[in-house]
């Protein structure tokens, strides 16, 4: 069975959505978006998550191309990758257009 280019694009985007599918990682992305670059200690501050757990979550986000870390002495500062969420936006836009087309077909069918 031959796969369409769209199927390959969805498969390639799966790690991105898997990374964003975790509540803790989504909260980390939200904080980095709102506050800019932060250290692991700052990201763990005020949460129930240890610094070690934050580090593991940051690695998953980095592997998905969403964040990057830089070393500053003993401290790592993490920030969002510019355009890192663009692929998620593109995929969600495609899904939105597909739903709109499906609803339009349903509406036309019901009105006939």
N, C-alpha and C. Protein backbone atom coordinates (compact mmCIF):
# COMPACT_ATOMS: atom_id res chain seq x y z
N UNK A 1 0.84 -1.19 0.00
CA UNK A 1 0.00 0.00 0.00
C UNK A 1 0.89 1.25 0.00
N UNK A 2 0.62 2.16 -0.90
CA UNK A 2 1.39 3.39 -1.02
C UNK A 2 0.85 4.45 -0.08
N UNK A 3 1.74 5.10 0.63
CA UNK A 3 1.32 6.17 1.55
C UNK A 3 1.39 7.51 0.84
N UNK A 4 0.46 8.37 1.19
CA UNK A 4 0.42 9.71 0.59
C UNK A 4 1.46 10.60 1.26
N UNK A 5 1.86 11.68 0.58
CA UNK A 5 2.78 12.63 1.22
C UNK A 5 2.21 13.19 2.52
N UNK A 6 0.88 13.34 2.58
CA UNK A 6 0.25 13.85 3.81
C UNK A 6 0.46 12.87 4.96
N UNK A 7 0.37 11.56 4.67
CA UNK A 7 0.57 10.55 5.72
C UNK A 7 2.00 10.63 6.26
N UNK A 8 2.97 10.85 5.37
CA UNK A 8 4.36 10.99 5.81
C UNK A 8 4.53 12.23 6.68
N UNK A 9 3.85 13.31 6.30
CA UNK A 9 3.94 14.55 7.10
C UNK A 9 3.35 14.33 8.48
N UNK A 10 2.23 13.61 8.56
CA UNK A 10 1.62 13.33 9.87
C UNK A 10 2.57 12.49 10.71
N UNK A 11 3.16 11.47 10.10
CA UNK A 11 4.07 10.59 10.83
C UNK A 11 5.27 11.39 11.36
N UNK A 12 5.79 12.29 10.52
CA UNK A 12 6.94 13.10 10.93
C UNK A 12 6.59 14.07 12.05
N UNK A 13 5.32 14.44 12.15
CA UNK A 13 4.88 15.38 13.19
C UNK A 13 4.51 14.71 14.49
N UNK A 14 4.42 13.40 14.50
CA UNK A 14 3.99 12.67 15.70
C UNK A 14 4.85 12.98 16.93
N UNK A 15 6.19 13.02 16.83
CA UNK A 15 6.99 13.33 18.02
C UNK A 15 6.68 14.72 18.60
N UNK A 16 6.38 15.66 17.72
CA UNK A 16 6.02 17.00 18.16
C UNK A 16 4.76 16.97 19.02
N UNK A 17 3.73 16.29 18.50
CA UNK A 17 2.47 16.22 19.24
C UNK A 17 2.60 15.36 20.49
N UNK A 18 3.44 14.33 20.44
CA UNK A 18 3.68 13.52 21.63
C UNK A 18 4.34 14.36 22.72
N UNK A 19 5.28 15.21 22.32
CA UNK A 19 5.94 16.09 23.29
C UNK A 19 4.95 17.07 23.90
N UNK A 20 4.06 17.61 23.08
CA UNK A 20 3.09 18.60 23.57
C UNK A 20 1.92 17.94 24.29
N UNK A 21 1.78 16.62 24.15
CA UNK A 21 0.66 15.91 24.74
C UNK A 21 0.78 15.67 26.23
N UNK A 22 1.90 15.98 26.80
CA UNK A 22 2.10 15.81 28.24
C UNK A 22 1.81 17.12 28.96
N UNK A 23 1.04 17.04 30.03
CA UNK A 23 0.62 18.25 30.77
C UNK A 23 1.82 19.05 31.29
N UNK A 24 2.82 18.36 31.83
CA UNK A 24 3.99 19.05 32.38
C UNK A 24 4.77 19.74 31.27
N UNK A 25 4.98 19.05 30.16
CA UNK A 25 5.74 19.66 29.06
C UNK A 25 4.98 20.83 28.46
N UNK A 26 3.67 20.71 28.36
CA UNK A 26 2.87 21.82 27.85
C UNK A 26 2.98 23.02 28.78
N UNK A 27 3.00 22.78 30.09
CA UNK A 27 3.17 23.87 31.05
C UNK A 27 4.54 24.52 30.91
N UNK A 28 5.57 23.72 30.67
CA UNK A 28 6.93 24.25 30.47
C UNK A 28 6.95 25.15 29.23
N UNK A 29 6.34 24.68 28.14
CA UNK A 29 6.28 25.49 26.91
C UNK A 29 5.54 26.80 27.20
N UNK A 30 4.45 26.72 27.94
CA UNK A 30 3.69 27.93 28.29
C UNK A 30 4.51 28.91 29.10
N UNK A 31 5.26 28.40 30.07
CA UNK A 31 6.10 29.30 30.87
C UNK A 31 7.20 29.94 30.04
N UNK A 32 7.84 29.15 29.19
CA UNK A 32 8.91 29.71 28.35
C UNK A 32 8.35 30.73 27.38
N UNK A 33 7.15 30.51 26.92
CA UNK A 33 6.50 31.46 26.01
C UNK A 33 6.19 32.76 26.75
N UNK A 34 5.68 32.65 27.96
CA UNK A 34 5.27 33.84 28.73
C UNK A 34 6.45 34.57 29.35
N UNK A 35 7.46 33.83 29.82
CA UNK A 35 8.53 34.44 30.61
C UNK A 35 9.88 34.52 29.91
N UNK A 36 10.01 33.89 28.75
CA UNK A 36 11.30 33.89 28.07
C UNK A 36 12.23 32.83 28.63
N UNK A 37 13.52 32.89 28.31
CA UNK A 37 14.47 31.87 28.74
C UNK A 37 14.49 31.73 30.27
N UNK A 38 14.50 30.47 30.73
CA UNK A 38 14.51 30.19 32.17
C UNK A 38 15.46 29.04 32.47
N UNK A 39 15.99 29.04 33.68
CA UNK A 39 16.83 27.94 34.13
C UNK A 39 15.94 26.78 34.58
N UNK A 40 16.53 25.63 34.71
CA UNK A 40 15.80 24.46 35.19
C UNK A 40 15.27 24.72 36.60
N UNK A 41 16.07 25.36 37.43
CA UNK A 41 15.63 25.67 38.79
C UNK A 41 14.39 26.56 38.77
N UNK A 42 14.39 27.57 37.91
CA UNK A 42 13.23 28.47 37.81
C UNK A 42 12.01 27.74 37.27
N UNK A 43 12.21 26.84 36.31
CA UNK A 43 11.09 26.09 35.76
C UNK A 43 10.48 25.14 36.81
N UNK A 44 11.31 24.63 37.70
CA UNK A 44 10.81 23.72 38.73
C UNK A 44 10.18 24.48 39.90
N UNK A 45 10.57 25.73 40.06
CA UNK A 45 10.07 26.57 41.16
C UNK A 45 8.54 26.67 41.15
N UNK A 46 7.94 26.46 42.30
CA UNK A 46 6.50 26.61 42.43
C UNK A 46 5.69 25.49 41.82
N UNK A 47 6.34 24.39 41.46
CA UNK A 47 5.60 23.26 40.90
C UNK A 47 5.88 22.01 41.73
N UNK A 48 5.16 20.98 41.43
CA UNK A 48 5.34 19.70 42.11
C UNK A 48 6.39 18.84 41.43
N UNK A 49 7.07 19.41 40.43
CA UNK A 49 8.00 18.66 39.60
C UNK A 49 9.44 18.96 40.02
N UNK A 50 10.24 17.90 40.19
CA UNK A 50 11.64 18.08 40.58
C UNK A 50 12.46 18.62 39.43
N UNK A 51 13.64 19.13 39.75
CA UNK A 51 14.54 19.63 38.70
C UNK A 51 14.95 18.50 37.75
N UNK A 52 15.15 17.30 38.30
CA UNK A 52 15.51 16.16 37.46
C UNK A 52 14.39 15.83 36.47
N UNK A 53 13.14 15.90 36.93
CA UNK A 53 12.00 15.63 36.05
C UNK A 53 11.87 16.73 34.99
N UNK A 54 12.08 17.98 35.39
CA UNK A 54 12.03 19.08 34.43
C UNK A 54 13.10 18.86 33.35
N UNK A 55 14.28 18.43 33.75
CA UNK A 55 15.36 18.17 32.81
C UNK A 55 14.95 17.11 31.79
N UNK A 56 14.32 16.04 32.25
CA UNK A 56 13.87 14.98 31.34
C UNK A 56 12.81 15.52 30.37
N UNK A 57 11.89 16.32 30.88
CA UNK A 57 10.86 16.90 30.01
C UNK A 57 11.48 17.85 28.99
N UNK A 58 12.47 18.62 29.40
CA UNK A 58 13.14 19.53 28.47
C UNK A 58 13.85 18.76 27.36
N UNK A 59 14.42 17.62 27.69
CA UNK A 59 15.09 16.80 26.66
C UNK A 59 14.09 16.32 25.62
N UNK A 60 12.90 15.91 26.06
CA UNK A 60 11.86 15.48 25.12
C UNK A 60 11.46 16.64 24.22
N UNK A 61 11.28 17.82 24.82
CA UNK A 61 10.90 19.01 24.04
C UNK A 61 12.02 19.39 23.07
N UNK A 62 13.27 19.25 23.49
CA UNK A 62 14.41 19.56 22.61
C UNK A 62 14.47 18.57 21.46
N UNK A 63 14.25 17.29 21.73
CA UNK A 63 14.25 16.28 20.67
C UNK A 63 13.15 16.54 19.65
N UNK A 64 12.05 17.16 20.09
CA UNK A 64 10.95 17.49 19.18
C UNK A 64 11.19 18.83 18.46
N UNK A 65 12.30 19.50 18.78
CA UNK A 65 12.63 20.76 18.11
C UNK A 65 11.89 21.97 18.66
N UNK A 66 11.40 21.87 19.90
CA UNK A 66 10.62 22.97 20.47
C UNK A 66 11.42 23.89 21.37
N UNK A 67 12.45 23.38 22.03
CA UNK A 67 13.26 24.20 22.94
C UNK A 67 14.74 23.93 22.68
N UNK A 68 15.54 24.85 23.15
CA UNK A 68 16.98 24.67 23.09
C UNK A 68 17.57 25.20 24.40
N UNK A 69 18.66 24.57 24.81
CA UNK A 69 19.31 24.98 26.05
C UNK A 69 20.72 25.48 25.79
N UNK A 70 21.12 26.45 26.60
CA UNK A 70 22.50 26.94 26.54
C UNK A 70 23.07 26.88 27.94
N UNK A 71 24.33 26.57 28.01
CA UNK A 71 25.01 26.44 29.29
C UNK A 71 25.59 27.80 29.67
N UNK A 72 25.39 28.19 30.93
CA UNK A 72 25.96 29.42 31.47
C UNK A 72 26.58 29.05 32.80
N UNK A 73 27.86 28.66 32.76
CA UNK A 73 28.51 28.17 33.97
C UNK A 73 27.90 26.84 34.38
N UNK A 74 27.39 26.77 35.60
CA UNK A 74 26.77 25.54 36.10
C UNK A 74 25.29 25.47 35.76
N UNK A 75 24.77 26.51 35.19
CA UNK A 75 23.34 26.59 34.95
C UNK A 75 23.01 26.48 33.46
N UNK A 76 21.91 25.80 33.16
CA UNK A 76 21.39 25.74 31.79
C UNK A 76 20.17 26.63 31.70
N UNK A 77 20.12 27.43 30.64
CA UNK A 77 18.94 28.27 30.39
C UNK A 77 18.27 27.74 29.14
N UNK A 78 16.98 27.58 29.24
CA UNK A 78 16.19 27.00 28.16
C UNK A 78 15.25 28.04 27.58
N UNK A 79 15.07 27.95 26.26
CA UNK A 79 14.16 28.88 25.58
C UNK A 79 13.47 28.16 24.44
N UNK A 80 12.37 28.74 23.98
CA UNK A 80 11.65 28.19 22.85
C UNK A 80 12.47 28.39 21.58
N UNK A 81 12.37 27.44 20.68
CA UNK A 81 13.01 27.56 19.37
C UNK A 81 12.07 28.38 18.49
N UNK A 82 12.56 29.48 17.91
CA UNK A 82 11.69 30.26 17.03
C UNK A 82 11.15 29.37 15.91
N UNK A 83 9.86 29.39 15.73
CA UNK A 83 9.24 28.57 14.69
C UNK A 83 9.03 27.12 15.09
N UNK A 84 9.40 26.75 16.30
CA UNK A 84 9.25 25.37 16.74
C UNK A 84 7.82 24.87 16.75
N UNK A 85 6.90 25.78 16.99
CA UNK A 85 5.48 25.40 17.02
C UNK A 85 4.81 25.56 15.66
N UNK A 86 5.54 26.06 14.67
CA UNK A 86 4.95 26.28 13.34
C UNK A 86 4.45 24.98 12.72
N UNK A 87 5.18 23.89 12.89
CA UNK A 87 4.76 22.61 12.32
C UNK A 87 3.44 22.16 12.95
N UNK A 88 3.30 22.34 14.26
CA UNK A 88 2.03 21.99 14.92
C UNK A 88 0.90 22.85 14.37
N UNK A 89 1.16 24.11 14.19
CA UNK A 89 0.14 25.02 13.65
C UNK A 89 -0.27 24.59 12.24
N UNK A 90 0.71 24.23 11.40
CA UNK A 90 0.40 23.78 10.04
C UNK A 90 -0.47 22.52 10.06
N UNK A 91 -0.12 21.58 10.91
CA UNK A 91 -0.91 20.34 11.00
C UNK A 91 -2.32 20.62 11.48
N UNK A 92 -2.45 21.47 12.48
CA UNK A 92 -3.78 21.79 13.00
C UNK A 92 -4.59 22.58 11.97
N UNK A 93 -3.94 23.40 11.17
CA UNK A 93 -4.64 24.11 10.10
C UNK A 93 -5.18 23.14 9.06
N UNK A 94 -4.40 22.11 8.72
CA UNK A 94 -4.86 21.10 7.77
C UNK A 94 -6.07 20.37 8.34
N UNK A 95 -5.99 19.98 9.59
CA UNK A 95 -7.12 19.28 10.23
C UNK A 95 -8.34 20.18 10.25
N UNK A 96 -8.16 21.45 10.54
CA UNK A 96 -9.28 22.39 10.58
C UNK A 96 -9.94 22.50 9.21
N UNK A 97 -9.12 22.60 8.16
CA UNK A 97 -9.68 22.69 6.81
C UNK A 97 -10.42 21.40 6.44
N UNK A 98 -9.88 20.25 6.86
CA UNK A 98 -10.54 18.98 6.58
C UNK A 98 -11.91 18.91 7.28
N UNK A 99 -11.96 19.34 8.53
CA UNK A 99 -13.23 19.35 9.26
C UNK A 99 -14.22 20.30 8.62
N UNK A 100 -13.75 21.48 8.21
CA UNK A 100 -14.63 22.44 7.54
C UNK A 100 -15.22 21.84 6.27
N UNK A 101 -14.39 21.16 5.49
CA UNK A 101 -14.86 20.54 4.24
C UNK A 101 -15.85 19.43 4.55
N UNK A 102 -15.58 18.64 5.57
CA UNK A 102 -16.50 17.56 5.95
C UNK A 102 -17.84 18.12 6.40
N UNK A 103 -17.80 19.17 7.20
CA UNK A 103 -19.05 19.78 7.66
C UNK A 103 -19.83 20.41 6.50
N UNK A 104 -19.11 20.99 5.55
CA UNK A 104 -19.77 21.55 4.37
C UNK A 104 -20.47 20.46 3.56
N UNK A 105 -19.80 19.31 3.40
CA UNK A 105 -20.42 18.19 2.68
C UNK A 105 -21.64 17.68 3.43
N UNK A 106 -21.55 17.58 4.74
CA UNK A 106 -22.69 17.13 5.55
C UNK A 106 -23.84 18.11 5.44
N UNK A 107 -23.55 19.41 5.51
CA UNK A 107 -24.59 20.43 5.40
C UNK A 107 -25.28 20.33 4.04
N UNK A 108 -24.51 20.18 2.98
CA UNK A 108 -25.08 20.05 1.62
C UNK A 108 -25.95 18.81 1.51
N UNK A 109 -25.50 17.71 2.10
CA UNK A 109 -26.28 16.47 2.08
C UNK A 109 -27.59 16.62 2.81
N UNK A 110 -27.57 17.23 3.99
CA UNK A 110 -28.77 17.41 4.80
C UNK A 110 -29.75 18.36 4.13
N UNK A 111 -29.24 19.38 3.47
CA UNK A 111 -30.11 20.36 2.81
C UNK A 111 -30.74 19.83 1.52
N UNK A 112 -30.20 18.76 0.95
CA UNK A 112 -30.78 18.18 -0.28
C UNK A 112 -32.04 17.46 -0.01
